[in-house]
Structure formats: structure tokens, C-alpha cells
């Protein structure tokens, strides 16, 4: 199945070469959880601090049980610091 994977800031390095800006349509296995997709793209789970699926925050306790569907959009941000 295909999903749109969006990675922001330092996580952009995990996107495939065909990505445009911060997003790419990628093929993943059906019935993958959020954490399985994160693992598939070799993103450290701790580094994917903010996880948004179709515009809705997915808390860490739900990332193993939240299953993606065809055409979903998964957006990932690292922890941001500043001041």
C-alpha cells in the first residue's frame, strides 16, 4: 500500500531520494503500525518525537496499535528546542 511520509527538520535525511521538499509517497506493507513504519525507515523511535497521522496526534502508547491504511499521511518531527 502507499502512504505519504513527511519528515521534518533533521528527520528529512530518512526520506527516499525521490522525496520532494519534506514528503514522499512510499510503499509499505499493509497492516503496518506507526512504529513499524518508523522502524522500516530506520528512524529511531525516540527521535520521532511528534507523530501525526492524517492530522491527528498519535501518543507514544498508541503507536504500536495504530495501523496505517492506504493513502494515509504520516508526519514526523524531532524534538525541537530553542529559546
PDB file of N, CA and C in Angstrom:
ATOM      1  N   UNK A   1       0.847  -1.171   0.000  1.00  0.00           N
ATOM      2  CA  UNK A   1       0.000   0.000   0.000  1.00  0.00           C
ATOM      3  C   UNK A   1       0.893   1.236   0.000  1.00  0.00           C
ATOM      4  N   UNK A   2       0.350   2.368  -0.395  1.00  0.00           N
ATOM      5  CA  UNK A   2       1.100   3.615  -0.436  1.00  0.00           C
ATOM      6  C   UNK A   2       0.628   4.567   0.653  1.00  0.00           C
ATOM      7  N   UNK A   3       1.604   5.220   1.276  1.00  0.00           N
ATOM      8  CA  UNK A   3       1.316   6.284   2.231  1.00  0.00           C
ATOM      9  C   UNK A   3       2.201   7.471   1.871  1.00  0.00           C
ATOM     10  N   UNK A   4       1.846   8.620   2.384  1.00  0.00           N
ATOM     11  CA  UNK A   4       2.733   9.778   2.284  1.00  0.00           C
ATOM     12  C   UNK A   4       3.474   9.893   3.598  1.00  0.00           C
ATOM     13  N   UNK A   5       4.791   9.888   3.507  1.00  0.00           N
ATOM     14  CA  UNK A   5       5.643  10.044   4.681  1.00  0.00           C
ATOM     15  C   UNK A   5       6.237  11.443   4.636  1.00  0.00           C
ATOM     16  N   UNK A   6       6.028  12.191   5.705  1.00  0.00           N
ATOM     17  CA  UNK A   6       6.589  13.529   5.831  1.00  0.00           C
ATOM     18  C   UNK A   6       7.537  13.535   7.015  1.00  0.00           C
ATOM     19  N   UNK A   7       8.740  14.003   6.772  1.00  0.00           N
ATOM     20  CA  UNK A   7       9.737  14.102   7.832  1.00  0.00           C
ATOM     21  C   UNK A   7      10.269  15.528   7.874  1.00  0.00           C
ATOM     22  N   UNK A   8      10.315  16.102   9.052  1.00  0.00           N
ATOM     23  CA  UNK A   8      10.698  17.488   9.214  1.00  0.00           C
ATOM     24  C   UNK A   8      12.016  17.611   9.957  1.00  0.00           C
ATOM     25  N   UNK A   9      12.671  18.754   9.761  1.00  0.00           N
ATOM     26  CA  UNK A   9      13.945  19.085  10.395  1.00  0.00           C
ATOM     27  C   UNK A   9      14.963  17.975  10.117  1.00  0.00           C
ATOM     28  N   UNK A  10      15.672  17.513  11.125  1.00  0.00           N
ATOM     29  CA  UNK A  10      16.724  16.523  10.927  1.00  0.00           C
ATOM     30  C   UNK A  10      16.246  15.160  10.468  1.00  0.00           C
ATOM     31  N   UNK A  11      14.951  14.893  10.556  1.00  0.00           N
ATOM     32  CA  UNK A  11      14.429  13.588  10.121  1.00  0.00           C
ATOM     33  C   UNK A  11      14.327  13.486   8.598  1.00  0.00           C
ATOM     34  N   UNK A  12      14.467  14.609   7.887  1.00  0.00           N
ATOM     35  CA  UNK A  12      14.366  14.580   6.422  1.00  0.00           C
ATOM     36  C   UNK A  12      15.400  13.649   5.805  1.00  0.00           C
ATOM     37  N   UNK A  13      16.488  13.404   6.485  1.00  0.00           N
ATOM     38  CA  UNK A  13      17.539  12.532   5.946  1.00  0.00           C
ATOM     39  C   UNK A  13      17.063  11.096   5.746  1.00  0.00           C
ATOM     40  N   UNK A  14      15.944  10.723   6.359  1.00  0.00           N
ATOM     41  CA  UNK A  14      15.417   9.367   6.245  1.00  0.00           C
ATOM     42  C   UNK A  14      14.492   9.181   5.036  1.00  0.00           C
ATOM     43  N   UNK A  15      14.152  10.259   4.376  1.00  0.00           N
ATOM     44  CA  UNK A  15      13.261  10.151   3.214  1.00  0.00           C
ATOM     45  C   UNK A  15      14.010   9.569   2.025  1.00  0.00           C
ATOM     46  N   UNK A  16      13.310   8.866   1.139  1.00  0.00           N
ATOM     47  CA  UNK A  16      13.957   8.308  -0.049  1.00  0.00           C
ATOM     48  C   UNK A  16      14.380   9.415  -1.013  1.00  0.00           C
ATOM     49  N   UNK A  17      15.268   9.108  -1.940  1.00  0.00           N
ATOM     50  CA  UNK A  17      15.785  10.119  -2.871  1.00  0.00           C
ATOM     51  C   UNK A  17      14.707  10.823  -3.701  1.00  0.00           C
ATOM     52  N   UNK A  18      13.596  10.165  -3.960  1.00  0.00           N
ATOM     53  CA  UNK A  18      12.563  10.790  -4.796  1.00  0.00           C
ATOM     54  C   UNK A  18      11.685  11.784  -4.021  1.00  0.00           C
ATOM     55  N   UNK A  19      11.977  12.017  -2.763  1.00  0.00           N
ATOM     56  CA  UNK A  19      11.181  12.946  -1.945  1.00  0.00           C
ATOM     57  C   UNK A  19      11.281  14.359  -2.502  1.00  0.00           C
ATOM     58  N   UNK A  20      10.182  15.070  -2.372  1.00  0.00           N
ATOM     59  CA  UNK A  20      10.145  16.484  -2.746  1.00  0.00           C
ATOM     60  C   UNK A  20       9.911  17.275  -1.474  1.00  0.00           C
ATOM     61  N   UNK A  21      10.820  18.215  -1.228  1.00  0.00           N
ATOM     62  CA  UNK A  21      10.786  19.022   0.000  1.00  0.00           C
ATOM     63  C   UNK A  21      10.877  18.081   1.196  1.00  0.00           C
ATOM     64  N   UNK A  22       9.803  17.910   1.920  1.00  0.00           N
ATOM     65  CA  UNK A  22       9.854  17.085   3.135  1.00  0.00           C
ATOM     66  C   UNK A  22       8.929  15.880   3.063  1.00  0.00           C
ATOM     67  N   UNK A  23       8.482  15.483   1.850  1.00  0.00           N
ATOM     68  CA  UNK A  23       7.482  14.416   1.744  1.00  0.00           C
ATOM     69  C   UNK A  23       7.780  13.480   0.575  1.00  0.00           C
ATOM     70  N   UNK A  24       7.331  12.231   0.742  1.00  0.00           N
ATOM     71  CA  UNK A  24       7.447  11.247  -0.330  1.00  0.00           C
ATOM     72  C   UNK A  24       6.310  10.243  -0.207  1.00  0.00           C
ATOM     73  N   UNK A  25       5.810   9.832  -1.352  1.00  0.00           N
ATOM     74  CA  UNK A  25       4.876   8.701  -1.365  1.00  0.00           C
ATOM     75  C   UNK A  25       5.734   7.451  -1.344  1.00  0.00           C
ATOM     76  N   UNK A  26       5.481   6.601  -0.354  1.00  0.00           N
ATOM     77  CA  UNK A  26       6.280   5.392  -0.165  1.00  0.00           C
ATOM     78  C   UNK A  26       5.372   4.170  -0.101  1.00  0.00           C
ATOM     79  N   UNK A  27       5.921   3.046  -0.474  1.00  0.00           N
ATOM     80  CA  UNK A  27       5.183   1.788  -0.397  1.00  0.00           C
ATOM     81  C   UNK A  27       5.588   1.053   0.870  1.00  0.00           C
ATOM     82  N   UNK A  28       4.597   0.638   1.634  1.00  0.00           N
ATOM     83  CA  UNK A  28       4.834  -0.144   2.853  1.00  0.00           C
ATOM     84  C   UNK A  28       3.870  -1.327   2.852  1.00  0.00           C
ATOM     85  N   UNK A  29       4.151  -2.295   3.680  1.00  0.00           N
ATOM     86  CA  UNK A  29       3.263  -3.449   3.792  1.00  0.00           C
ATOM     87  C   UNK A  29       1.931  -3.049   4.415  1.00  0.00           C
ATOM     88  N   UNK A  30       0.889  -3.715   4.003  1.00  0.00           N
ATOM     89  CA  UNK A  30      -0.427  -3.488   4.607  1.00  0.00           C
ATOM     90  C   UNK A  30      -0.393  -3.900   6.075  1.00  0.00           C
ATOM     91  N   UNK A  31      -1.233  -3.258   6.862  1.00  0.00           N
ATOM     92  CA  UNK A  31      -1.390  -3.586   8.278  1.00  0.00           C
ATOM     93  C   UNK A  31      -0.170  -3.218   9.133  1.00  0.00           C
ATOM     94  N   UNK A  32       0.663  -2.296   8.664  1.00  0.00           N
ATOM     95  CA  UNK A  32       1.799  -1.861   9.479  1.00  0.00           C
ATOM     96  C   UNK A  32       1.337  -0.832  10.503  1.00  0.00           C
ATOM     97  N   UNK A  33       1.915  -0.911  11.685  1.00  0.00           N
ATOM     98  CA  UNK A  33       1.630   0.083  12.721  1.00  0.00           C
ATOM     99  C   UNK A  33       2.522   1.302  12.491  1.00  0.00           C
ATOM    100  N   UNK A  34       2.223   2.357  13.205  1.00  0.00           N
ATOM    101  CA  UNK A  34       3.041   3.564  13.130  1.00  0.00           C
ATOM    102  C   UNK A  34       4.492   3.228  13.473  1.00  0.00           C
ATOM    103  N   UNK A  35       4.726   2.515  14.564  1.00  0.00           N
ATOM    104  CA  UNK A  35       6.090   2.174  14.943  1.00  0.00           C
ATOM    105  C   UNK A  35       6.760   1.256  13.915  1.00  0.00           C
ATOM    106  N   UNK A  36       6.025   0.370  13.284  1.00  0.00           N
ATOM    107  CA  UNK A  36       6.625  -0.486  12.262  1.00  0.00           C
ATOM    108  C   UNK A  36       7.099   0.336  11.063  1.00  0.00           C
ATOM    109  N   UNK A  37       6.345   1.355  10.695  1.00  0.00           N
ATOM    110  CA  UNK A  37       6.776   2.228   9.593  1.00  0.00           C
ATOM    111  C   UNK A  37       8.007   3.022  10.015  1.00  0.00           C
ATOM    112  N   UNK A  38       7.994   3.557  11.223  1.00  0.00           N
ATOM    113  CA  UNK A  38       9.155   4.290  11.732  1.00  0.00           C
ATOM    114  C   UNK A  38      10.385   3.387  11.718  1.00  0.00           C
ATOM    115  N   UNK A  39      10.245   2.164  12.186  1.00  0.00           N
ATOM    116  CA  UNK A  39      11.356   1.206  12.191  1.00  0.00           C
ATOM    117  C   UNK A  39      11.800   0.858  10.767  1.00  0.00           C
ATOM    118  N   UNK A  40      10.847   0.692   9.855  1.00  0.00           N
ATOM    119  CA  UNK A  40      11.136   0.330   8.466  1.00  0.00           C
ATOM    120  C   UNK A  40      12.063   1.360   7.814  1.00  0.00           C
ATOM    121  N   UNK A  41      11.863   2.633   8.148  1.00  0.00           N
ATOM    122  CA  UNK A  41      12.690   3.687   7.572  1.00  0.00           C
ATOM    123  C   UNK A  41      13.905   4.016   8.434  1.00  0.00           C
ATOM    124  N   UNK A  42      14.193   3.145   9.398  1.00  0.00           N
ATOM    125  CA  UNK A  42      15.376   3.239  10.252  1.00  0.00           C
ATOM    126  C   UNK A  42      15.445   4.579  11.006  1.00  0.00           C
ATOM    127  N   UNK A  43      14.287   5.005  11.477  1.00  0.00           N
ATOM    128  CA  UNK A  43      14.197   6.204  12.292  1.00  0.00           C
ATOM    129  C   UNK A  43      14.136   5.759  13.750  1.00  0.00           C
ATOM    130  N   UNK A  44      14.999   6.316  14.564  1.00  0.00           N
ATOM    131  CA  UNK A  44      14.990   5.993  15.985  1.00  0.00           C
ATOM    132  C   UNK A  44      13.657   6.432  16.582  1.00  0.00           C
ATOM    133  N   UNK A  45      13.003   5.541  17.292  1.00  0.00           N
ATOM    134  CA  UNK A  45      11.687   5.849  17.868  1.00  0.00           C
ATOM    135  C   UNK A  45      11.733   7.067  18.775  1.00  0.00           C
ATOM    136  N   UNK A  46      12.805   7.231  19.514  1.00  0.00           N
ATOM    137  CA  UNK A  46      12.945   8.381  20.403  1.00  0.00           C
ATOM    138  C   UNK A  46      13.121   9.677  19.608  1.00  0.00           C
ATOM    139  N   UNK A  47      13.700   9.564  18.421  1.00  0.00           N
ATOM    140  CA  UNK A  47      13.927  10.745  17.598  1.00  0.00           C
ATOM    141  C   UNK A  47      12.628  11.239  16.949  1.00  0.00           C
ATOM    142  N   UNK A  48      11.697  10.326  16.693  1.00  0.00           N
ATOM    143  CA  UNK A  48      10.383  10.703  16.153  1.00  0.00           C
ATOM    144  C   UNK A  48       9.511  11.144  17.322  1.00  0.00           C
ATOM    145  N   UNK A  49       9.735  12.348  17.768  1.00  0.00           N
ATOM    146  CA  UNK A  49       9.115  12.849  18.995  1.00  0.00           C
ATOM    147  C   UNK A  49       7.632  13.163  18.811  1.00  0.00           C
ATOM    148  N   UNK A  50       7.312  13.872  17.738  1.00  0.00           N
ATOM    149  CA  UNK A  50       5.933  14.249  17.445  1.00  0.00           C
ATOM    150  C   UNK A  50       5.471  13.454  16.234  1.00  0.00           C
ATOM    151  N   UNK A  51       4.403  12.685  16.388  1.00  0.00           N
ATOM    152  CA  UNK A  51       3.886  11.823  15.329  1.00  0.00           C
ATOM    153  C   UNK A  51       2.434  12.207  15.052  1.00  0.00           C
ATOM    154  N   UNK A  52       2.166  12.552  13.797  1.00  0.00           N
ATOM    155  CA  UNK A  52       0.833  12.982  13.381  1.00  0.00           C
ATOM    156  C   UNK A  52       0.373  12.067  12.247  1.00  0.00           C
ATOM    157  N   UNK A  53      -0.793  11.458  12.397  1.00  0.00           N
ATOM    158  CA  UNK A  53      -1.367  10.598  11.363  1.00  0.00           C
ATOM    159  C   UNK A  53      -2.648  11.251  10.863  1.00  0.00           C
ATOM    160  N   UNK A  54      -2.641  11.634   9.608  1.00  0.00           N
ATOM    161  CA  UNK A  54      -3.796  12.299   8.995  1.00  0.00           C
ATOM    162  C   UNK A  54      -4.270  13.491   9.821  1.00  0.00           C
ATOM    163  N   UNK A  55      -3.319  14.251  10.346  1.00  0.00           N
ATOM    164  CA  UNK A  55      -3.645  15.464  11.081  1.00  0.00           C
ATOM    165  C   UNK A  55      -3.973  15.268  12.544  1.00  0.00           C
ATOM    166  N   UNK A  56      -3.838  14.038  13.053  1.00  0.00           N
ATOM    167  CA  UNK A  56      -4.187  13.733  14.444  1.00  0.00           C
ATOM    168  C   UNK A  56      -2.950  13.197  15.166  1.00  0.00           C
ATOM    169  N   UNK A  57      -2.658  13.775  16.331  1.00  0.00           N
ATOM    170  CA  UNK A  57      -1.522  13.345  17.143  1.00  0.00           C
ATOM    171  C   UNK A  57      -1.694  11.890  17.568  1.00  0.00           C
ATOM    172  N   UNK A  58      -0.605  11.117  17.475  1.00  0.00           N
ATOM    173  CA  UNK A  58      -0.589   9.725  17.949  1.00  0.00           C
ATOM    174  C   UNK A  58       0.379   9.674  19.130  1.00  0.00           C
ATOM    175  N   UNK A  59      -0.151   9.448  20.322  1.00  0.00           N
ATOM    176  CA  UNK A  59       0.708   9.408  21.505  1.00  0.00           C
ATOM    177  C   UNK A  59       1.560   8.137  21.500  1.00  0.00           C
ATOM    178  N   UNK A  60       2.697   8.157  22.187  1.00  0.00           N
ATOM    179  CA  UNK A  60       3.606   7.009  22.169  1.00  0.00           C
ATOM    180  C   UNK A  60       2.951   5.686  22.572  1.00  0.00           C
ATOM    181  N   UNK A  61       2.009   5.716  23.484  1.00  0.00           N
ATOM    182  CA  UNK A  61       1.375   4.464  23.926  1.00  0.00           C
ATOM    183  C   UNK A  61       0.457   3.862  22.872  1.00  0.00           C
ATOM    184  N   UNK A  62       0.122   4.619  21.824  1.00  0.00           N
ATOM    185  CA  UNK A  62      -0.767   4.126  20.767  1.00  0.00           C
ATOM    186  C   UNK A  62      -0.040   3.831  19.456  1.00  0.00           C
ATOM    187  N   UNK A  63       1.246   4.042  19.413  1.00  0.00           N
ATOM    188  CA  UNK A  63       1.986   3.898  18.151  1.00  0.00           C
ATOM    189  C   UNK A  63       2.187   2.454  17.722  1.00  0.00           C
ATOM    190  N   UNK A  64       2.139   1.509  18.657  1.00  0.00           N
ATOM    191  CA  UNK A  64       2.204   0.084  18.290  1.00  0.00           C
ATOM    192  C   UNK A  64       0.870  -0.425  17.777  1.00  0.00           C
ATOM    193  N   UNK A  65      -0.209   0.135  18.251  1.00  0.00           N
ATOM    194  CA  UNK A  65      -1.536  -0.389  17.917  1.00  0.00           C
ATOM    195  C   UNK A  65      -2.250   0.399  16.816  1.00  0.00           C
ATOM    196  N   UNK A  66      -1.720   1.551  16.444  1.00  0.00           N
ATOM    197  CA  UNK A  66      -2.347   2.354  15.391  1.00  0.00           C
ATOM    198  C   UNK A  66      -1.867   1.842  14.038  1.00  0.00           C
ATOM    199  N   UNK A  67      -2.783   1.313  13.262  1.00  0.00           N
ATOM    200  CA  UNK A  67      -2.470   0.693  11.971  1.00  0.00           C
ATOM    201  C   UNK A  67      -2.750   1.684  10.843  1.00  0.00           C
ATOM    202  N   UNK A  68      -1.794   1.786   9.928  1.00  0.00           N
ATOM    203  CA  UNK A  68      -1.971   2.682   8.790  1.00  0.00           C
ATOM    204  C   UNK A  68      -2.799   2.023   7.702  1.00  0.00           C
ATOM    205  N   UNK A  69      -3.448   2.879   6.912  1.00  0.00           N
ATOM    206  CA  UNK A  69      -4.250   2.424   5.774  1.00  0.00           C
ATOM    207  C   UNK A  69      -3.715   3.064   4.503  1.00  0.00           C
ATOM    208  N   UNK A  70      -4.084   2.514   3.372  1.00  0.00           N
ATOM    209  CA  UNK A  70      -3.674   3.048   2.088  1.00  0.00           C
ATOM    210  C   UNK A  70      -4.021   4.534   2.001  1.00  0.00           C
ATOM    211  N   UNK A  71      -3.084   5.321   1.507  1.00  0.00           N
ATOM    212  CA  UNK A  71      -3.223   6.768   1.300  1.00  0.00           C
ATOM    213  C   UNK A  71      -3.184   7.600   2.574  1.00  0.00           C
ATOM    214  N   UNK A  72      -2.821   6.998   3.704  1.00  0.00           N
ATOM    215  CA  UNK A  72      -2.645   7.779   4.926  1.00  0.00           C
ATOM    216  C   UNK A  72      -1.431   8.701   4.778  1.00  0.00           C
ATOM    217  N   UNK A  73      -1.389   9.732   5.617  1.00  0.00           N
ATOM    218  CA  UNK A  73      -0.234  10.626   5.692  1.00  0.00           C
ATOM    219  C   UNK A  73       0.325  10.567   7.104  1.00  0.00           C
ATOM    220  N   UNK A  74       1.591  10.179   7.199  1.00  0.00           N
ATOM    221  CA  UNK A  74       2.287  10.082   8.470  1.00  0.00           C
ATOM    222  C   UNK A  74       3.369  11.163   8.503  1.00  0.00           C
ATOM    223  N   UNK A  75       3.272  12.063   9.474  1.00  0.00           N
ATOM    224  CA  UNK A  75       4.229  13.156   9.603  1.00  0.00           C
ATOM    225  C   UNK A  75       4.998  13.012  10.909  1.00  0.00           C
ATOM    226  N   UNK A  76       6.313  13.222  10.821  1.00  0.00           N
ATOM    227  CA  UNK A  76       7.205  13.017  11.965  1.00  0.00           C
ATOM    228  C   UNK A  76       8.070  14.246  12.190  1.00  0.00           C
ATOM    229  N   UNK A  77       8.195  14.649  13.444  1.00  0.00           N
ATOM    230  CA  UNK A  77       9.062  15.759  13.835  1.00  0.00           C
ATOM    231  C   UNK A  77       9.961  15.303  14.962  1.00  0.00           C
ATOM    232  N   UNK A  78      11.210  15.770  14.960  1.00  0.00           N
ATOM    233  CA  UNK A  78      12.062  15.520  16.125  1.00  0.00           C
ATOM    234  C   UNK A  78      11.697  16.511  17.223  1.00  0.00           C
ATOM    235  N   UNK A  79      12.221  16.269  18.402  1.00  0.00           N
ATOM    236  CA  UNK A  79      12.020  17.223  19.492  1.00  0.00           C
ATOM    237  C   UNK A  79      12.709  18.522  19.112  1.00  0.00           C
ATOM    238  N   UNK A  80      12.048  19.622  19.370  1.00  0.00           N
ATOM    239  CA  UNK A  80      12.570  20.933  18.987  1.00  0.00           C
ATOM    240  C   UNK A  80      12.897  21.714  20.251  1.00  0.00           C
ATOM    241  N   UNK A  81      14.068  22.325  20.261  1.00  0.00           N
ATOM    242  CA  UNK A  81      14.469  23.150  21.395  1.00  0.00           C
ATOM    243  C   UNK A  81      14.833  24.533  20.880  1.00  0.00           C
ATOM    244  N   UNK A  82      14.709  25.464  21.688  1.00  0.00           N
ATOM    245  CA  UNK A  82      15.073  26.821  21.298  1.00  0.00           C
ATOM    246  C   UNK A  82      14.754  27.785  22.415  1.00  0.00           C
ATOM    247  N   UNK A  83      15.016  29.003  22.149  1.00  0.00           N
ATOM    248  CA  UNK A  83      14.696  29.956  23.192  1.00  0.00           C
ATOM    249  C   UNK A  83      15.321  31.274  22.996  1.00  0.00           C
TER     250      UNK A  83
END
